[in-house]
Amino acid sequence: MSVDVVVNFEASMGNAEHLAPLLVEGRDLSRSAAGCEAFDLFQRRDDPNKFMFIERWTSLDAHHANMAQNIVATGHLAKMIPLMTGPPDNGVIERL
């Protein structure tokens, strides 16, 4: 059974334009990862400093493997952290 994940990011003041391309790059890396079924990036219209990934994976293990191999180990997350107000807020979601 597939698992859906949401990840929220908030750029610190003046950094949305720098964070956005890194989020696009992370989305593209993740879309090609094993087990990725869907991976979309959104930016809030009412607050352009706020971004969201909505992801679908074949399993939670596939999601964790992508994070470990493609986002953390490559240093991609480390490039994003200084541009944000805090760490990403993420969790598994389910449709009601």
C-alpha atoms as a PDB file:
ATOM      1  CA  MET A   1       0.000   0.000   0.000  1.00  0.00           C
ATOM      2  CA  SER A   2       1.276   3.463  -0.917  1.00  0.00           C
ATOM      3  CA  VAL A   3       2.120   6.069   1.688  1.00  0.00           C
ATOM      4  CA  ASP A   4       1.597   9.830   1.357  1.00  0.00           C
ATOM      5  CA  VAL A   5       3.995  12.318   2.931  1.00  0.00           C
ATOM      6  CA  VAL A   6       3.749  16.078   3.351  1.00  0.00           C
ATOM      7  CA  VAL A   7       6.764  18.272   4.045  1.00  0.00           C
ATOM      8  CA  ASN A   8       6.461  21.984   4.878  1.00  0.00           C
ATOM      9  CA  PHE A   9       9.297  24.478   4.445  1.00  0.00           C
ATOM     10  CA  GLU A  10       9.447  28.130   5.404  1.00  0.00           C
ATOM     11  CA  ALA A  11      12.089  30.366   3.888  1.00  0.00           C
ATOM     12  CA  SER A  12      13.601  32.969   6.164  1.00  0.00           C
ATOM     13  CA  MET A  13      12.922  36.562   5.134  1.00  0.00           C
ATOM     14  CA  GLY A  14      14.477  37.343   1.770  1.00  0.00           C
ATOM     15  CA  ASN A  15      15.433  33.732   0.995  1.00  0.00           C
ATOM     16  CA  ALA A  16      12.373  32.355  -0.841  1.00  0.00           C
ATOM     17  CA  GLU A  17      13.975  33.048  -4.227  1.00  0.00           C
ATOM     18  CA  HIS A  18      17.100  31.138  -3.141  1.00  0.00           C
ATOM     19  CA  LEU A  19      15.258  28.238  -1.515  1.00  0.00           C
ATOM     20  CA  ALA A  20      12.831  27.627  -4.398  1.00  0.00           C
ATOM     21  CA  PRO A  21      15.427  26.329  -6.910  1.00  0.00           C
ATOM     22  CA  LEU A  22      16.863  23.990  -4.272  1.00  0.00           C
ATOM     23  CA  LEU A  23      13.384  22.629  -3.597  1.00  0.00           C
ATOM     24  CA  VAL A  24      12.851  22.111  -7.337  1.00  0.00           C
ATOM     25  CA  GLU A  25      16.171  20.250  -7.490  1.00  0.00           C
ATOM     26  CA  GLY A  26      15.192  18.078  -4.517  1.00  0.00           C
ATOM     27  CA  ARG A  27      11.830  17.347  -6.111  1.00  0.00           C
ATOM     28  CA  ASP A  28      13.498  16.295  -9.352  1.00  0.00           C
ATOM     29  CA  LEU A  29      16.028  14.079  -7.551  1.00  0.00           C
ATOM     30  CA  SER A  30      13.238  12.450  -5.578  1.00  0.00           C
ATOM     31  CA  ARG A  31      10.943  11.896  -8.557  1.00  0.00           C
ATOM     32  CA  SER A  32      13.551   9.595 -10.088  1.00  0.00           C
ATOM     33  CA  ALA A  33      14.147   7.663  -6.837  1.00  0.00           C
ATOM     34  CA  ALA A  34      13.103   4.044  -6.467  1.00  0.00           C
ATOM     35  CA  GLY A  35       9.604   3.815  -5.040  1.00  0.00           C
ATOM     36  CA  CYS A  36       8.482   7.364  -5.885  1.00  0.00           C
ATOM     37  CA  GLU A  37       4.970   7.363  -7.332  1.00  0.00           C
ATOM     38  CA  ALA A  38       4.321  11.131  -7.215  1.00  0.00           C
ATOM     39  CA  PHE A  39       6.178  14.168  -5.938  1.00  0.00           C
ATOM     40  CA  ASP A  40       4.853  17.708  -6.228  1.00  0.00           C
ATOM     41  CA  LEU A  41       6.085  21.080  -4.976  1.00  0.00           C
ATOM     42  CA  PHE A  42       3.737  23.915  -4.023  1.00  0.00           C
ATOM     43  CA  GLN A  43       4.261  27.533  -2.956  1.00  0.00           C
ATOM     44  CA  ARG A  44       1.617  29.409  -0.983  1.00  0.00           C
ATOM     45  CA  ARG A  45      -0.014  32.305  -2.806  1.00  0.00           C
ATOM     46  CA  ASP A  46      -0.750  34.158   0.429  1.00  0.00           C
ATOM     47  CA  ASP A  47       2.768  33.676   1.811  1.00  0.00           C
ATOM     48  CA  PRO A  48       5.511  33.080  -0.782  1.00  0.00           C
ATOM     49  CA  ASN A  49       7.966  32.104   1.972  1.00  0.00           C
ATOM     50  CA  LYS A  50       6.019  28.857   2.542  1.00  0.00           C
ATOM     51  CA  PHE A  51       6.494  25.761   0.404  1.00  0.00           C
ATOM     52  CA  MET A  52       5.142  22.230   0.557  1.00  0.00           C
ATOM     53  CA  PHE A  53       6.029  18.848  -0.895  1.00  0.00           C
ATOM     54  CA  ILE A  54       3.210  16.337  -1.278  1.00  0.00           C
ATOM     55  CA  GLU A  55       4.695  12.951  -2.030  1.00  0.00           C
ATOM     56  CA  ARG A  56       3.487   9.403  -2.674  1.00  0.00           C
ATOM     57  CA  TRP A  57       5.796   6.434  -2.127  1.00  0.00           C
ATOM     58  CA  THR A  58       5.424   2.690  -2.496  1.00  0.00           C
ATOM     59  CA  SER A  59       6.465   2.432   1.150  1.00  0.00           C
ATOM     60  CA  LEU A  60       7.767   4.505   4.027  1.00  0.00           C
ATOM     61  CA  ASP A  61      11.090   2.686   3.641  1.00  0.00           C
ATOM     62  CA  ALA A  62      11.351   3.982   0.048  1.00  0.00           C
ATOM     63  CA  HIS A  63      10.755   7.526   1.307  1.00  0.00           C
ATOM     64  CA  HIS A  64      13.380   7.150   4.041  1.00  0.00           C
ATOM     65  CA  ALA A  65      15.896   5.646   1.597  1.00  0.00           C
ATOM     66  CA  ASN A  66      15.451   8.604  -0.752  1.00  0.00           C
ATOM     67  CA  MET A  67      15.949  11.079   2.073  1.00  0.00           C
ATOM     68  CA  ALA A  68      19.054   9.313   3.329  1.00  0.00           C
ATOM     69  CA  GLN A  69      20.703   8.726  -0.047  1.00  0.00           C
ATOM     70  CA  ASN A  70      19.609  11.616  -2.269  1.00  0.00           C
ATOM     71  CA  ILE A  71      18.905  14.467   0.120  1.00  0.00           C
ATOM     72  CA  VAL A  72      20.984  14.078   3.296  1.00  0.00           C
ATOM     73  CA  ALA A  73      24.083  12.147   2.139  1.00  0.00           C
ATOM     74  CA  THR A  74      24.562  14.394  -0.910  1.00  0.00           C
ATOM     75  CA  GLY A  75      24.537  17.552   1.220  1.00  0.00           C
ATOM     76  CA  HIS A  76      21.393  18.855  -0.468  1.00  0.00           C
ATOM     77  CA  LEU A  77      19.530  19.345   2.818  1.00  0.00           C
ATOM     78  CA  ALA A  78      22.556  21.110   4.312  1.00  0.00           C
ATOM     79  CA  LYS A  79      22.349  23.714   1.515  1.00  0.00           C
ATOM     80  CA  MET A  80      18.687  24.397   2.319  1.00  0.00           C
ATOM     81  CA  ILE A  81      18.827  24.634   6.123  1.00  0.00           C
ATOM     82  CA  PRO A  82      20.490  28.099   6.295  1.00  0.00           C
ATOM     83  CA  LEU A  83      17.739  29.508   4.040  1.00  0.00           C
ATOM     84  CA  MET A  84      14.871  28.387   6.284  1.00  0.00           C
ATOM     85  CA  THR A  85      13.329  29.553   9.557  1.00  0.00           C
ATOM     86  CA  GLY A  86      13.777  26.035  10.974  1.00  0.00           C
ATOM     87  CA  PRO A  87      13.937  22.405   9.931  1.00  0.00           C
ATOM     88  CA  PRO A  88      11.300  21.045   7.552  1.00  0.00           C
ATOM     89  CA  ASP A  89       8.076  19.876   9.180  1.00  0.00           C
ATOM     90  CA  ASN A  90       7.055  16.515   7.766  1.00  0.00           C
ATOM     91  CA  GLY A  91       4.718  13.646   8.371  1.00  0.00           C
ATOM     92  CA  VAL A  92       2.736  10.823   6.873  1.00  0.00           C
ATOM     93  CA  ILE A  93      -0.782  11.869   5.903  1.00  0.00           C
ATOM     94  CA  GLU A  94      -3.909   9.952   5.004  1.00  0.00           C
ATOM     95  CA  ARG A  95      -7.020  10.872   3.091  1.00  0.00           C
ATOM     96  CA  LEU A  96     -10.183  10.983   5.192  1.00  0.00           C
END
